[in-house]
Amino acid sequence: MPVRNPKSKKYAFCCYYVTIGDVTESAVRAGFSREEALTEGIKMLESEECRKIISRLKNTLSESGNVSAGLKRLAFGNCSDAVYLVFADELPPPDVIERLDLFNVSEIKRVKGGGVEVKLFDRLKALEKLFELENSFSDRDKAVDLIKALSDSAEDGESVDD
């Protein structure tokens, strides 16, 4: 559902931009019309307030924010728009297609006989990659803790020898 309040549109745009990374799609999801989405999205990115919000949100989501968000969308995303497209009797008009969320779709092709074949990304692979990504950050944090502990103990040892 589009956000109506202009201040809320700005914040919604920033949230979408941090997770999606696409100016136009973020602006459309924040409530701007498709015709003005690119222009308004760029205006927002140029504003100091939006840059601060985006920076804060990126820090909140962690270093892996975009990758992690994309993998989560693949693993847990809704496929109803792809199902709608497959079972539509005829190709929907362009304005309807533009509003479809086809993020989970890896391939669309027409098959002989007039049908449509839609391939979706593998949810299990996305979950495996998400698991690997989260473990890599966990392992890195453990390594940092180990180095810090070793450094602290080395500093304690040096002070005893002095």
C-alpha atoms as a PDB file:
ATOM      1  CA  MET A   1       0.000   0.000   0.000  1.00  0.00           C
ATOM      2  CA  PRO A   2       1.538   3.384  -0.999  1.00  0.00           C
ATOM      3  CA  VAL A   3       2.464   5.840   1.731  1.00  0.00           C
ATOM      4  CA  ARG A   4       0.517   9.141   1.492  1.00  0.00           C
ATOM      5  CA  ASN A   5       2.366  11.559   3.826  1.00  0.00           C
ATOM      6  CA  PRO A   6       5.330  13.253   2.008  1.00  0.00           C
ATOM      7  CA  LYS A   7       7.622  12.809   5.022  1.00  0.00           C
ATOM      8  CA  SER A   8       6.601   9.170   5.181  1.00  0.00           C
ATOM      9  CA  LYS A   9       7.206   8.855   1.440  1.00  0.00           C
ATOM     10  CA  LYS A  10      10.756  10.074   1.988  1.00  0.00           C
ATOM     11  CA  TYR A  11      11.410   7.569   4.769  1.00  0.00           C
ATOM     12  CA  ALA A  12       9.694   4.767   2.826  1.00  0.00           C
ATOM     13  CA  PHE A  13      11.828   5.587  -0.216  1.00  0.00           C
ATOM     14  CA  CYS A  14      14.975   5.372   1.911  1.00  0.00           C
ATOM     15  CA  CYS A  15      13.922   2.009   3.370  1.00  0.00           C
ATOM     16  CA  TYR A  16      13.139   0.572  -0.044  1.00  0.00           C
ATOM     17  CA  TYR A  17      16.320   1.993  -1.552  1.00  0.00           C
ATOM     18  CA  VAL A  18      18.480   0.382   1.137  1.00  0.00           C
ATOM     19  CA  THR A  19      16.892  -3.031   0.602  1.00  0.00           C
ATOM     20  CA  ILE A  20      16.215  -2.956  -3.165  1.00  0.00           C
ATOM     21  CA  GLY A  21      18.945  -0.645  -4.456  1.00  0.00           C
ATOM     22  CA  ASP A  22      16.881   0.581  -7.430  1.00  0.00           C
ATOM     23  CA  VAL A  23      15.875   4.263  -7.484  1.00  0.00           C
ATOM     24  CA  THR A  24      12.768   3.921  -9.659  1.00  0.00           C
ATOM     25  CA  GLU A  25      11.347   0.828  -7.984  1.00  0.00           C
ATOM     26  CA  SER A  26      11.996   2.311  -4.530  1.00  0.00           C
ATOM     27  CA  ALA A  27      10.160   5.519  -5.447  1.00  0.00           C
ATOM     28  CA  VAL A  28       7.203   3.622  -6.923  1.00  0.00           C
ATOM     29  CA  ARG A  29       6.908   1.459  -3.827  1.00  0.00           C
ATOM     30  CA  ALA A  30       7.120   4.579  -1.651  1.00  0.00           C
ATOM     31  CA  GLY A  31       4.036   5.943  -3.432  1.00  0.00           C
ATOM     32  CA  PHE A  32       5.273   8.003  -6.383  1.00  0.00           C
ATOM     33  CA  SER A  33       3.759   7.484  -9.814  1.00  0.00           C
ATOM     34  CA  ARG A  34       5.861   5.511 -12.272  1.00  0.00           C
ATOM     35  CA  GLU A  35       6.154   8.619 -14.477  1.00  0.00           C
ATOM     36  CA  GLU A  36       7.755  10.727 -11.743  1.00  0.00           C
ATOM     37  CA  ALA A  37       9.527   7.936  -9.836  1.00  0.00           C
ATOM     38  CA  LEU A  38      13.014   8.311 -11.321  1.00  0.00           C
ATOM     39  CA  THR A  39      13.059  12.107 -11.021  1.00  0.00           C
ATOM     40  CA  GLU A  40      11.676  12.119  -7.473  1.00  0.00           C
ATOM     41  CA  GLY A  41      13.984   9.276  -6.426  1.00  0.00           C
ATOM     42  CA  ILE A  42      17.047  11.150  -7.671  1.00  0.00           C
ATOM     43  CA  LYS A  43      15.872  14.324  -5.891  1.00  0.00           C
ATOM     44  CA  MET A  44      15.612  12.338  -2.687  1.00  0.00           C
ATOM     45  CA  LEU A  45      19.067  10.819  -3.107  1.00  0.00           C
ATOM     46  CA  GLU A  46      20.449  14.332  -3.562  1.00  0.00           C
ATOM     47  CA  SER A  47      18.957  15.537  -0.271  1.00  0.00           C
ATOM     48  CA  GLU A  48      21.188  15.492   2.794  1.00  0.00           C
ATOM     49  CA  GLU A  49      18.330  14.195   4.961  1.00  0.00           C
ATOM     50  CA  CYS A  50      17.810  11.127   2.754  1.00  0.00           C
ATOM     51  CA  ARG A  51      21.532  10.385   2.590  1.00  0.00           C
ATOM     52  CA  LYS A  52      21.671  10.433   6.398  1.00  0.00           C
ATOM     53  CA  ILE A  53      18.622   8.167   6.692  1.00  0.00           C
ATOM     54  CA  ILE A  54      20.050   5.746   4.107  1.00  0.00           C
ATOM     55  CA  SER A  55      23.424   5.692   5.864  1.00  0.00           C
ATOM     56  CA  ARG A  56      21.781   5.018   9.229  1.00  0.00           C
ATOM     57  CA  LEU A  57      19.597   2.255   7.756  1.00  0.00           C
ATOM     58  CA  LYS A  58      22.587   0.617   6.050  1.00  0.00           C
ATOM     59  CA  ASN A  59      24.448   0.564   9.368  1.00  0.00           C
ATOM     60  CA  THR A  60      21.384  -0.888  11.063  1.00  0.00           C
ATOM     61  CA  LEU A  61      21.055  -3.646   8.475  1.00  0.00           C
ATOM     62  CA  SER A  62      24.802  -4.477   8.651  1.00  0.00           C
ATOM     63  CA  GLU A  63      27.481  -4.696   6.032  1.00  0.00           C
ATOM     64  CA  SER A  64      25.643  -7.444   4.171  1.00  0.00           C
ATOM     65  CA  GLY A  65      22.363  -5.504   3.999  1.00  0.00           C
ATOM     66  CA  ASN A  66      21.680  -5.592   0.249  1.00  0.00           C
ATOM     67  CA  VAL A  67      22.956  -9.121  -0.308  1.00  0.00           C
ATOM     68  CA  SER A  68      21.152 -10.407   2.732  1.00  0.00           C
ATOM     69  CA  ALA A  69      17.943  -8.574   1.787  1.00  0.00           C
ATOM     70  CA  GLY A  70      18.067  -9.992  -1.737  1.00  0.00           C
ATOM     71  CA  LEU A  71      18.629 -13.520  -0.486  1.00  0.00           C
ATOM     72  CA  LYS A  72      15.770 -13.126   1.994  1.00  0.00           C
ATOM     73  CA  ARG A  73      13.489 -11.938  -0.806  1.00  0.00           C
ATOM     74  CA  LEU A  74      14.429 -14.990  -2.875  1.00  0.00           C
ATOM     75  CA  ALA A  75      14.032 -17.384   0.039  1.00  0.00           C
ATOM     76  CA  PHE A  76      10.829 -15.999   1.542  1.00  0.00           C
ATOM     77  CA  GLY A  77       9.338 -13.820  -1.204  1.00  0.00           C
ATOM     78  CA  ASN A  78       5.845 -14.046  -2.581  1.00  0.00           C
ATOM     79  CA  CYS A  79       5.397 -15.738  -5.976  1.00  0.00           C
ATOM     80  CA  SER A  80       1.723 -14.884  -6.490  1.00  0.00           C
ATOM     81  CA  ASP A  81       2.449 -12.370  -9.276  1.00  0.00           C
ATOM     82  CA  ALA A  82       4.389 -15.030 -11.208  1.00  0.00           C
ATOM     83  CA  VAL A  83       1.476 -17.444 -10.773  1.00  0.00           C
ATOM     84  CA  TYR A  84      -0.915 -14.730 -12.008  1.00  0.00           C
ATOM     85  CA  LEU A  85       1.235 -14.236 -15.105  1.00  0.00           C
ATOM     86  CA  VAL A  86       1.346 -17.963 -15.874  1.00  0.00           C
ATOM     87  CA  PHE A  87      -2.398 -18.447 -15.571  1.00  0.00           C
ATOM     88  CA  ALA A  88      -3.492 -15.231 -17.319  1.00  0.00           C
ATOM     89  CA  ASP A  89      -5.447 -15.979 -20.491  1.00  0.00           C
ATOM     90  CA  GLU A  90      -3.590 -13.225 -22.344  1.00  0.00           C
ATOM     91  CA  LEU A  91      -0.612 -10.997 -21.710  1.00  0.00           C
ATOM     92  CA  PRO A  92      -1.576  -8.274 -19.223  1.00  0.00           C
ATOM     93  CA  PRO A  93      -1.191  -4.635 -20.318  1.00  0.00           C
ATOM     94  CA  PRO A  94       2.212  -2.961 -19.710  1.00  0.00           C
ATOM     95  CA  ASP A  95       0.985  -0.877 -16.750  1.00  0.00           C
ATOM     96  CA  VAL A  96      -0.119  -4.087 -14.978  1.00  0.00           C
ATOM     97  CA  ILE A  97       3.151  -5.874 -15.791  1.00  0.00           C
ATOM     98  CA  GLU A  98       5.150  -2.939 -14.355  1.00  0.00           C
ATOM     99  CA  ARG A  99       3.429  -3.400 -10.994  1.00  0.00           C
ATOM    100  CA  LEU A 100       4.100  -7.135 -10.780  1.00  0.00           C
ATOM    101  CA  ASP A 101       6.720  -8.274  -8.288  1.00  0.00           C
ATOM    102  CA  LEU A 102       8.764 -10.735 -10.333  1.00  0.00           C
ATOM    103  CA  PHE A 103      11.924 -10.614  -8.204  1.00  0.00           C
ATOM    104  CA  ASN A 104      11.832 -14.397  -7.663  1.00  0.00           C
ATOM    105  CA  VAL A 105      11.566 -15.097 -11.404  1.00  0.00           C
ATOM    106  CA  SER A 106      14.777 -16.268 -13.051  1.00  0.00           C
ATOM    107  CA  GLU A 107      13.397 -16.858 -16.543  1.00  0.00           C
ATOM    108  CA  ILE A 108      10.238 -16.314 -18.576  1.00  0.00           C
ATOM    109  CA  LYS A 109       9.728 -17.743 -22.044  1.00  0.00           C
ATOM    110  CA  ARG A 110       6.940 -18.613 -24.411  1.00  0.00           C
ATOM    111  CA  VAL A 111       6.640 -22.279 -25.260  1.00  0.00           C
ATOM    112  CA  LYS A 112       5.292 -23.779 -28.447  1.00  0.00           C
ATOM    113  CA  GLY A 113       1.524 -23.918 -28.389  1.00  0.00           C
ATOM    114  CA  GLY A 114       1.128 -20.468 -26.829  1.00  0.00           C
ATOM    115  CA  GLY A 115       1.931 -21.239 -23.205  1.00  0.00           C
ATOM    116  CA  VAL A 116       4.323 -19.440 -20.905  1.00  0.00           C
ATOM    117  CA  GLU A 117       7.076 -21.070 -18.871  1.00  0.00           C
ATOM    118  CA  VAL A 118       8.209 -19.283 -15.733  1.00  0.00           C
ATOM    119  CA  LYS A 119      11.242 -20.468 -13.780  1.00  0.00           C
ATOM    120  CA  LEU A 120      11.743 -19.284 -10.220  1.00  0.00           C
ATOM    121  CA  PHE A 121      14.994 -18.993  -8.324  1.00  0.00           C
ATOM    122  CA  ASP A 122      15.739 -21.932  -6.037  1.00  0.00           C
ATOM    123  CA  ARG A 123      14.565 -21.025  -2.513  1.00  0.00           C
ATOM    124  CA  LEU A 124      16.699 -23.715  -0.905  1.00  0.00           C
ATOM    125  CA  LYS A 125      19.863 -22.382  -2.572  1.00  0.00           C
ATOM    126  CA  ALA A 126      18.972 -18.865  -1.415  1.00  0.00           C
ATOM    127  CA  LEU A 127      18.551 -20.157   2.149  1.00  0.00           C
ATOM    128  CA  GLU A 128      21.895 -21.984   1.951  1.00  0.00           C
ATOM    129  CA  LYS A 129      23.660 -18.816   0.721  1.00  0.00           C
ATOM    130  CA  LEU A 130      21.954 -16.747   3.419  1.00  0.00           C
ATOM    131  CA  PHE A 131      23.110 -19.253   6.032  1.00  0.00           C
ATOM    132  CA  GLU A 132      26.689 -19.105   4.667  1.00  0.00           C
ATOM    133  CA  LEU A 133      26.636 -15.311   4.657  1.00  0.00           C
ATOM    134  CA  GLU A 134      25.387 -15.063   8.234  1.00  0.00           C
ATOM    135  CA  ASN A 135      27.924 -17.651   9.391  1.00  0.00           C
ATOM    136  CA  SER A 136      30.769 -15.787   7.684  1.00  0.00           C
ATOM    137  CA  PHE A 137      29.930 -12.656   9.671  1.00  0.00           C
ATOM    138  CA  SER A 138      29.591 -14.693  12.840  1.00  0.00           C
ATOM    139  CA  ASP A 139      32.964 -16.369  12.189  1.00  0.00           C
ATOM    140  CA  ARG A 140      34.559 -12.993  11.483  1.00  0.00           C
ATOM    141  CA  ASP A 141      33.219 -11.652  14.795  1.00  0.00           C
ATOM    142  CA  LYS A 142      34.639 -14.699  16.590  1.00  0.00           C
ATOM    143  CA  ALA A 143      38.022 -14.115  14.940  1.00  0.00           C
ATOM    144  CA  VAL A 144      37.967 -10.444  15.967  1.00  0.00           C
ATOM    145  CA  ASP A 145      37.121 -11.470  19.552  1.00  0.00           C
ATOM    146  CA  LEU A 146      39.986 -13.997  19.559  1.00  0.00           C
ATOM    147  CA  ILE A 147      42.478 -11.423  18.241  1.00  0.00           C
ATOM    148  CA  LYS A 148      41.296  -8.910  20.818  1.00  0.00           C
ATOM    149  CA  ALA A 149      41.614 -11.472  23.617  1.00  0.00           C
ATOM    150  CA  LEU A 150      45.115 -12.421  22.461  1.00  0.00           C
ATOM    151  CA  SER A 151      46.106  -8.751  22.185  1.00  0.00           C
ATOM    152  CA  ASP A 152      44.735  -8.011  25.638  1.00  0.00           C
ATOM    153  CA  SER A 153      46.608 -10.953  27.157  1.00  0.00           C
ATOM    154  CA  ALA A 154      49.819  -9.958  25.364  1.00  0.00           C
ATOM    155  CA  GLU A 155      49.503  -6.402  26.683  1.00  0.00           C
ATOM    156  CA  ASP A 156      48.891  -7.759  30.188  1.00  0.00           C
ATOM    157  CA  GLY A 157      52.015  -9.946  29.866  1.00  0.00           C
ATOM    158  CA  GLU A 158      54.135  -6.996  28.687  1.00  0.00           C
ATOM    159  CA  SER A 159      53.120  -4.891  31.639  1.00  0.00           C
ATOM    160  CA  VAL A 160      54.189  -7.640  34.065  1.00  0.00           C
ATOM    161  CA  ASP A 161      57.655  -7.920  32.420  1.00  0.00           C
ATOM    162  CA  ASP A 162      58.273  -4.148  32.536  1.00  0.00           C
END
